[in-house]
PDB file of N, CA and C in Angstrom:
ATOM      1  N   MET A   1      11.029  -9.009   5.630  1.00  0.00           N
ATOM      2  CA  MET A   1       9.857  -9.573   4.978  1.00  0.00           C
ATOM      3  C   MET A   1      10.028 -11.091   4.924  1.00  0.00           C
ATOM      4  N   ALA A   2       9.023 -11.797   5.390  1.00  0.00           N
ATOM      5  CA  ALA A   2       9.061 -13.251   5.379  1.00  0.00           C
ATOM      6  C   ALA A   2       8.963 -13.769   3.951  1.00  0.00           C
ATOM      7  N   HIS A   3       9.519 -14.940   3.726  1.00  0.00           N
ATOM      8  CA  HIS A   3       9.500 -15.533   2.389  1.00  0.00           C
ATOM      9  C   HIS A   3       8.061 -15.673   1.889  1.00  0.00           C
ATOM     10  N   GLY A   4       7.793 -15.165   0.698  1.00  0.00           N
ATOM     11  CA  GLY A   4       6.474 -15.294   0.093  1.00  0.00           C
ATOM     12  C   GLY A   4       5.493 -14.197   0.452  1.00  0.00           C
ATOM     13  N   GLU A   5       5.834 -13.362   1.416  1.00  0.00           N
ATOM     14  CA  GLU A   5       4.916 -12.270   1.762  1.00  0.00           C
ATOM     15  C   GLU A   5       5.130 -11.092   0.832  1.00  0.00           C
ATOM     16  N   SER A   6       4.058 -10.422   0.508  1.00  0.00           N
ATOM     17  CA  SER A   6       4.153  -9.232  -0.327  1.00  0.00           C
ATOM     18  C   SER A   6       4.537  -8.033   0.538  1.00  0.00           C
ATOM     19  N   ILE A   7       4.978  -6.992  -0.108  1.00  0.00           N
ATOM     20  CA  ILE A   7       5.305  -5.761   0.609  1.00  0.00           C
ATOM     21  C   ILE A   7       4.034  -5.174   1.236  1.00  0.00           C
ATOM     22  N   ALA A   8       2.893  -5.376   0.587  1.00  0.00           N
ATOM     23  CA  ALA A   8       1.624  -4.904   1.152  1.00  0.00           C
ATOM     24  C   ALA A   8       1.344  -5.603   2.481  1.00  0.00           C
ATOM     25  N   ARG A   9       1.609  -6.899   2.541  1.00  0.00           N
ATOM     26  CA  ARG A   9       1.397  -7.643   3.790  1.00  0.00           C
ATOM     27  C   ARG A   9       2.315  -7.117   4.883  1.00  0.00           C
ATOM     28  N   THR A  10       3.560  -6.811   4.524  1.00  0.00           N
ATOM     29  CA  THR A  10       4.511  -6.281   5.493  1.00  0.00           C
ATOM     30  C   THR A  10       4.015  -4.965   6.071  1.00  0.00           C
ATOM     31  N   TRP A  11       3.559  -4.057   5.205  1.00  0.00           N
ATOM     32  CA  TRP A  11       3.053  -2.765   5.677  1.00  0.00           C
ATOM     33  C   TRP A  11       1.763  -2.933   6.477  1.00  0.00           C
ATOM     34  N   ASP A  12       0.890  -3.863   6.067  1.00  0.00           N
ATOM     35  CA  ASP A  12      -0.325  -4.126   6.843  1.00  0.00           C
ATOM     36  C   ASP A  12       0.025  -4.580   8.258  1.00  0.00           C
ATOM     37  N   GLU A  13       0.990  -5.474   8.375  1.00  0.00           N
ATOM     38  CA  GLU A  13       1.399  -5.950   9.694  1.00  0.00           C
ATOM     39  C   GLU A  13       1.982  -4.814  10.535  1.00  0.00           C
ATOM     40  N   GLU A  14       2.728  -3.924   9.904  1.00  0.00           N
ATOM     41  CA  GLU A  14       3.293  -2.781  10.638  1.00  0.00           C
ATOM     42  C   GLU A  14       2.201  -1.875  11.191  1.00  0.00           C
ATOM     43  N   ILE A  15       1.212  -1.550  10.361  1.00  0.00           N
ATOM     44  CA  ILE A  15       0.161  -0.646  10.839  1.00  0.00           C
ATOM     45  C   ILE A  15      -0.712  -1.329  11.887  1.00  0.00           C
ATOM     46  N   LEU A  16      -0.954  -2.628  11.738  1.00  0.00           N
ATOM     47  CA  LEU A  16      -1.730  -3.344  12.744  1.00  0.00           C
ATOM     48  C   LEU A  16      -0.974  -3.432  14.069  1.00  0.00           C
ATOM     49  N   SER A  17       0.332  -3.583  14.015  1.00  0.00           N
ATOM     50  CA  SER A  17       1.138  -3.570  15.241  1.00  0.00           C
ATOM     51  C   SER A  17       1.041  -2.221  15.945  1.00  0.00           C
ATOM     52  N   ALA A  18       1.065  -1.143  15.170  1.00  0.00           N
ATOM     53  CA  ALA A  18       0.943   0.195  15.752  1.00  0.00           C
ATOM     54  C   ALA A  18      -0.434   0.388  16.384  1.00  0.00           C
ATOM     55  N   ILE A  19      -1.472  -0.128  15.745  1.00  0.00           N
ATOM     56  CA  ILE A  19      -2.831  -0.017  16.287  1.00  0.00           C
ATOM     57  C   ILE A  19      -2.935  -0.768  17.616  1.00  0.00           C
ATOM     58  N   ARG A  20      -2.289  -1.915  17.697  1.00  0.00           N
ATOM     59  CA  ARG A  20      -2.370  -2.730  18.926  1.00  0.00           C
ATOM     60  C   ARG A  20      -1.789  -2.024  20.141  1.00  0.00           C
ATOM     61  N   VAL A  21      -0.801  -1.162  19.956  1.00  0.00           N
ATOM     62  CA  VAL A  21      -0.200  -0.482  21.106  1.00  0.00           C
ATOM     63  C   VAL A  21      -0.801   0.905  21.354  1.00  0.00           C
ATOM     64  N   ASP A  22      -1.675   1.351  20.487  1.00  0.00           N
ATOM     65  CA  ASP A  22      -2.293   2.667  20.621  1.00  0.00           C
ATOM     66  C   ASP A  22      -3.575   2.565  21.446  1.00  0.00           C
ATOM     67  N   LEU A  23      -4.035   3.689  21.948  1.00  0.00           N
ATOM     68  CA  LEU A  23      -5.335   3.726  22.613  1.00  0.00           C
ATOM     69  C   LEU A  23      -6.414   3.492  21.567  1.00  0.00           C
ATOM     70  N   PRO A  24      -7.477   2.781  21.928  1.00  0.00           N
ATOM     71  CA  PRO A  24      -8.537   2.509  20.954  1.00  0.00           C
ATOM     72  C   PRO A  24      -9.185   3.796  20.441  1.00  0.00           C
ATOM     73  N   HIS A  25      -9.161   3.973  19.155  1.00  0.00           N
ATOM     74  CA  HIS A  25      -9.839   5.082  18.498  1.00  0.00           C
ATOM     75  C   HIS A  25     -10.219   4.608  17.098  1.00  0.00           C
ATOM     76  N   PRO A  26     -11.279   3.798  17.015  1.00  0.00           N
ATOM     77  CA  PRO A  26     -11.628   3.146  15.751  1.00  0.00           C
ATOM     78  C   PRO A  26     -11.725   4.071  14.527  1.00  0.00           C
ATOM     79  N   PRO A  27     -12.329   5.269  14.627  1.00  0.00           N
ATOM     80  CA  PRO A  27     -12.394   6.101  13.417  1.00  0.00           C
ATOM     81  C   PRO A  27     -11.009   6.482  12.876  1.00  0.00           C
ATOM     82  N   ALA A  28     -10.090   6.810  13.762  1.00  0.00           N
ATOM     83  CA  ALA A  28      -8.743   7.179  13.319  1.00  0.00           C
ATOM     84  C   ALA A  28      -8.012   5.976  12.745  1.00  0.00           C
ATOM     85  N   HIS A  29      -8.161   4.818  13.372  1.00  0.00           N
ATOM     86  CA  HIS A  29      -7.501   3.617  12.873  1.00  0.00           C
ATOM     87  C   HIS A  29      -8.068   3.213  11.515  1.00  0.00           C
ATOM     88  N   ALA A  30      -9.380   3.307  11.358  1.00  0.00           N
ATOM     89  CA  ALA A  30      -9.999   2.980  10.071  1.00  0.00           C
ATOM     90  C   ALA A  30      -9.498   3.924   8.985  1.00  0.00           C
ATOM     91  N   ARG A  31      -9.396   5.190   9.302  1.00  0.00           N
ATOM     92  CA  ARG A  31      -8.903   6.175   8.330  1.00  0.00           C
ATOM     93  C   ARG A  31      -7.456   5.871   7.947  1.00  0.00           C
ATOM     94  N   ASN A  32      -6.629   5.536   8.933  1.00  0.00           N
ATOM     95  CA  ASN A  32      -5.237   5.219   8.639  1.00  0.00           C
ATOM     96  C   ASN A  32      -5.112   3.959   7.787  1.00  0.00           C
ATOM     97  N   LEU A  33      -5.923   2.953   8.067  1.00  0.00           N
ATOM     98  CA  LEU A  33      -5.916   1.740   7.247  1.00  0.00           C
ATOM     99  C   LEU A  33      -6.360   2.047   5.821  1.00  0.00           C
ATOM    100  N   PHE A  34      -7.357   2.901   5.673  1.00  0.00           N
ATOM    101  CA  PHE A  34      -7.814   3.297   4.343  1.00  0.00           C
ATOM    102  C   PHE A  34      -6.706   4.022   3.584  1.00  0.00           C
ATOM    103  N   HIS A  35      -6.050   4.969   4.241  1.00  0.00           N
ATOM    104  CA  HIS A  35      -4.979   5.718   3.574  1.00  0.00           C
ATOM    105  C   HIS A  35      -3.841   4.795   3.138  1.00  0.00           C
ATOM    106  N   LEU A  36      -3.483   3.843   3.974  1.00  0.00           N
ATOM    107  CA  LEU A  36      -2.438   2.893   3.595  1.00  0.00           C
ATOM    108  C   LEU A  36      -2.888   2.067   2.392  1.00  0.00           C
ATOM    109  N   SER A  37      -4.121   1.595   2.412  1.00  0.00           N
ATOM    110  CA  SER A  37      -4.640   0.793   1.300  1.00  0.00           C
ATOM    111  C   SER A  37      -4.636   1.581  -0.004  1.00  0.00           C
ATOM    112  N   VAL A  38      -5.046   2.832   0.050  1.00  0.00           N
ATOM    113  CA  VAL A  38      -5.047   3.680  -1.148  1.00  0.00           C
ATOM    114  C   VAL A  38      -3.625   3.875  -1.666  1.00  0.00           C
ATOM    115  N   ALA A  39      -2.697   4.142  -0.775  1.00  0.00           N
ATOM    116  CA  ALA A  39      -1.308   4.352  -1.197  1.00  0.00           C
ATOM    117  C   ALA A  39      -0.740   3.096  -1.842  1.00  0.00           C
ATOM    118  N   LEU A  40      -0.997   1.934  -1.242  1.00  0.00           N
ATOM    119  CA  LEU A  40      -0.503   0.685  -1.809  1.00  0.00           C
ATOM    120  C   LEU A  40      -1.137   0.407  -3.166  1.00  0.00           C
ATOM    121  N   TYR A  41      -2.442   0.605  -3.268  1.00  0.00           N
ATOM    122  CA  TYR A  41      -3.125   0.359  -4.548  1.00  0.00           C
ATOM    123  C   TYR A  41      -2.640   1.325  -5.622  1.00  0.00           C
ATOM    124  N   ASP A  42      -2.555   2.593  -5.291  1.00  0.00           N
ATOM    125  CA  ASP A  42      -2.121   3.574  -6.292  1.00  0.00           C
ATOM    126  C   ASP A  42      -0.693   3.317  -6.756  1.00  0.00           C
ATOM    127  N   GLY A  43       0.169   2.855  -5.861  1.00  0.00           N
ATOM    128  CA  GLY A  43       1.530   2.503  -6.247  1.00  0.00           C
ATOM    129  C   GLY A  43       1.551   1.333  -7.211  1.00  0.00           C
ATOM    130  N   TRP A  44       0.652   0.382  -7.008  1.00  0.00           N
ATOM    131  CA  TRP A  44       0.538  -0.757  -7.920  1.00  0.00           C
ATOM    132  C   TRP A  44      -0.095  -0.327  -9.242  1.00  0.00           C
ATOM    133  N   ALA A  45      -1.174   0.445  -9.171  1.00  0.00           N
ATOM    134  CA  ALA A  45      -1.930   0.832 -10.364  1.00  0.00           C
ATOM    135  C   ALA A  45      -1.137   1.739 -11.300  1.00  0.00           C
ATOM    136  N   ALA A  46      -0.187   2.474 -10.772  1.00  0.00           N
ATOM    137  CA  ALA A  46       0.605   3.382 -11.610  1.00  0.00           C
ATOM    138  C   ALA A  46       1.360   2.618 -12.693  1.00  0.00           C
ATOM    139  N   TYR A  47       1.631   1.344 -12.470  1.00  0.00           N
ATOM    140  CA  TYR A  47       2.381   0.531 -13.436  1.00  0.00           C
ATOM    141  C   TYR A  47       1.504  -0.457 -14.192  1.00  0.00           C
ATOM    142  N   ASP A  48       0.195  -0.407 -13.983  1.00  0.00           N
ATOM    143  CA  ASP A  48      -0.732  -1.279 -14.696  1.00  0.00           C
ATOM    144  C   ASP A  48      -1.434  -0.474 -15.787  1.00  0.00           C
ATOM    145  N   PRO A  49      -1.449  -0.955 -17.020  1.00  0.00           N
ATOM    146  CA  PRO A  49      -2.003  -0.152 -18.121  1.00  0.00           C
ATOM    147  C   PRO A  49      -3.503   0.104 -18.038  1.00  0.00           C
ATOM    148  N   THR A  50      -4.255  -0.744 -17.352  1.00  0.00           N
ATOM    149  CA  THR A  50      -5.710  -0.552 -17.318  1.00  0.00           C
ATOM    150  C   THR A  50      -6.258  -0.119 -15.953  1.00  0.00           C
ATOM    151  N   ALA A  51      -5.509  -0.300 -14.892  1.00  0.00           N
ATOM    152  CA  ALA A  51      -5.991   0.071 -13.556  1.00  0.00           C
ATOM    153  C   ALA A  51      -6.060   1.592 -13.424  1.00  0.00           C
ATOM    154  N   VAL A  52      -7.061   2.049 -12.700  1.00  0.00           N
ATOM    155  CA  VAL A  52      -7.222   3.481 -12.441  1.00  0.00           C
ATOM    156  C   VAL A  52      -6.980   3.710 -10.955  1.00  0.00           C
ATOM    157  N   GLY A  53      -6.008   4.528 -10.626  1.00  0.00           N
ATOM    158  CA  GLY A  53      -5.703   4.813  -9.234  1.00  0.00           C
ATOM    159  C   GLY A  53      -6.832   5.547  -8.541  1.00  0.00           C
ATOM    160  N   TYR A  54      -6.832   5.493  -7.240  1.00  0.00           N
ATOM    161  CA  TYR A  54      -7.863   6.177  -6.452  1.00  0.00           C
ATOM    162  C   TYR A  54      -7.552   7.666  -6.328  1.00  0.00           C
ATOM    163  N   ALA A  55      -6.353   8.001  -5.926  1.00  0.00           N
ATOM    164  CA  ALA A  55      -5.954   9.403  -5.755  1.00  0.00           C
ATOM    165  C   ALA A  55      -4.899   9.824  -6.766  1.00  0.00           C
ATOM    166  N   TYR A  56      -4.074   8.889  -7.200  1.00  0.00           N
ATOM    167  CA  TYR A  56      -2.980   9.170  -8.141  1.00  0.00           C
ATOM    168  C   TYR A  56      -3.271   8.412  -9.424  1.00  0.00           C
ATOM    169  N   ARG A  57      -3.475   9.134 -10.519  1.00  0.00           N
ATOM    170  CA  ARG A  57      -3.920   8.484 -11.750  1.00  0.00           C
ATOM    171  C   ARG A  57      -2.912   8.531 -12.890  1.00  0.00           C
ATOM    172  N   GLU A  58      -1.724   9.020 -12.617  1.00  0.00           N
ATOM    173  CA  GLU A  58      -0.710   9.039 -13.668  1.00  0.00           C
ATOM    174  C   GLU A  58      -0.178   7.632 -13.894  1.00  0.00           C
ATOM    175  N   LYS A  59       0.382   7.413 -15.089  1.00  0.00           N
ATOM    176  CA  LYS A  59       0.941   6.114 -15.428  1.00  0.00           C
ATOM    177  C   LYS A  59       2.452   6.207 -15.544  1.00  0.00           C
ATOM    178  N   HIS A  60       3.128   5.121 -15.202  1.00  0.00           N
ATOM    179  CA  HIS A  60       4.574   5.040 -15.279  1.00  0.00           C
ATOM    180  C   HIS A  60       4.965   3.753 -15.988  1.00  0.00           C
ATOM    181  N   THR A  61       6.148   3.738 -16.539  1.00  0.00           N
ATOM    182  CA  THR A  61       6.701   2.530 -17.133  1.00  0.00           C
ATOM    183  C   THR A  61       8.057   2.268 -16.502  1.00  0.00           C
ATOM    184  N   ALA A  62       8.466   1.030 -16.561  1.00  0.00           N
ATOM    185  CA  ALA A  62       9.769   0.651 -16.022  1.00  0.00           C
ATOM    186  C   ALA A  62      10.218  -0.629 -16.701  1.00  0.00           C
ATOM    187  N   ALA A  63      11.510  -0.784 -16.819  1.00  0.00           N
ATOM    188  CA  ALA A  63      12.051  -2.013 -17.389  1.00  0.00           C
ATOM    189  C   ALA A  63      11.719  -3.194 -16.481  1.00  0.00           C
ATOM    190  N   ASP A  64      11.789  -2.986 -15.178  1.00  0.00           N
ATOM    191  CA  ASP A  64      11.463  -4.018 -14.201  1.00  0.00           C
ATOM    192  C   ASP A  64      10.293  -3.502 -13.353  1.00  0.00           C
ATOM    193  N   VAL A  65       9.088  -3.837 -13.770  1.00  0.00           N
ATOM    194  CA  VAL A  65       7.881  -3.328 -13.105  1.00  0.00           C
ATOM    195  C   VAL A  65       7.812  -3.801 -11.653  1.00  0.00           C
ATOM    196  N   ALA A  66       8.168  -5.043 -11.398  1.00  0.00           N
ATOM    197  CA  ALA A  66       8.114  -5.558 -10.021  1.00  0.00           C
ATOM    198  C   ALA A  66       9.040  -4.771  -9.108  1.00  0.00           C
ATOM    199  N   ALA A  67      10.236  -4.455  -9.577  1.00  0.00           N
ATOM    200  CA  ALA A  67      11.178  -3.672  -8.766  1.00  0.00           C
ATOM    201  C   ALA A  67      10.665  -2.248  -8.573  1.00  0.00           C
ATOM    202  N   ALA A  68      10.078  -1.677  -9.615  1.00  0.00           N
ATOM    203  CA  ALA A  68       9.535  -0.320  -9.518  1.00  0.00           C
ATOM    204  C   ALA A  68       8.385  -0.277  -8.512  1.00  0.00           C
ATOM    205  N   ARG A  69       7.540  -1.294  -8.520  1.00  0.00           N
ATOM    206  CA  ARG A  69       6.433  -1.341  -7.557  1.00  0.00           C
ATOM    207  C   ARG A  69       6.951  -1.495  -6.131  1.00  0.00           C
ATOM    208  N   ARG A  70       7.972  -2.306  -5.936  1.00  0.00           N
ATOM    209  CA  ARG A  70       8.562  -2.451  -4.590  1.00  0.00           C
ATOM    210  C   ARG A  70       9.123  -1.119  -4.103  1.00  0.00           C
ATOM    211  N   GLU A  71       9.787  -0.393  -4.993  1.00  0.00           N
ATOM    212  CA  GLU A  71      10.354   0.899  -4.611  1.00  0.00           C
ATOM    213  C   GLU A  71       9.261   1.915  -4.318  1.00  0.00           C
ATOM    214  N   THR A  72       8.191   1.866  -5.093  1.00  0.00           N
ATOM    215  CA  THR A  72       7.081   2.786  -4.887  1.00  0.00           C
ATOM    216  C   THR A  72       6.479   2.566  -3.533  1.00  0.00           C
TER     217      THR A  72
END
């Protein structure tokens, strides 16, 4: 991960790299990008007291929320 980049940016770059080498299939790529976005958001929202996850709505606590979000 480059200095200052978020883990979300790292995963976005990974999925975009995979799309670049795959045969064009826009509906499948759009679906995969959506699923990644939902997973990243839900992992973040699980540790936010007011955010509501898209698919996962349980709440978690941690002594180090930033570390817990990175692990998620």
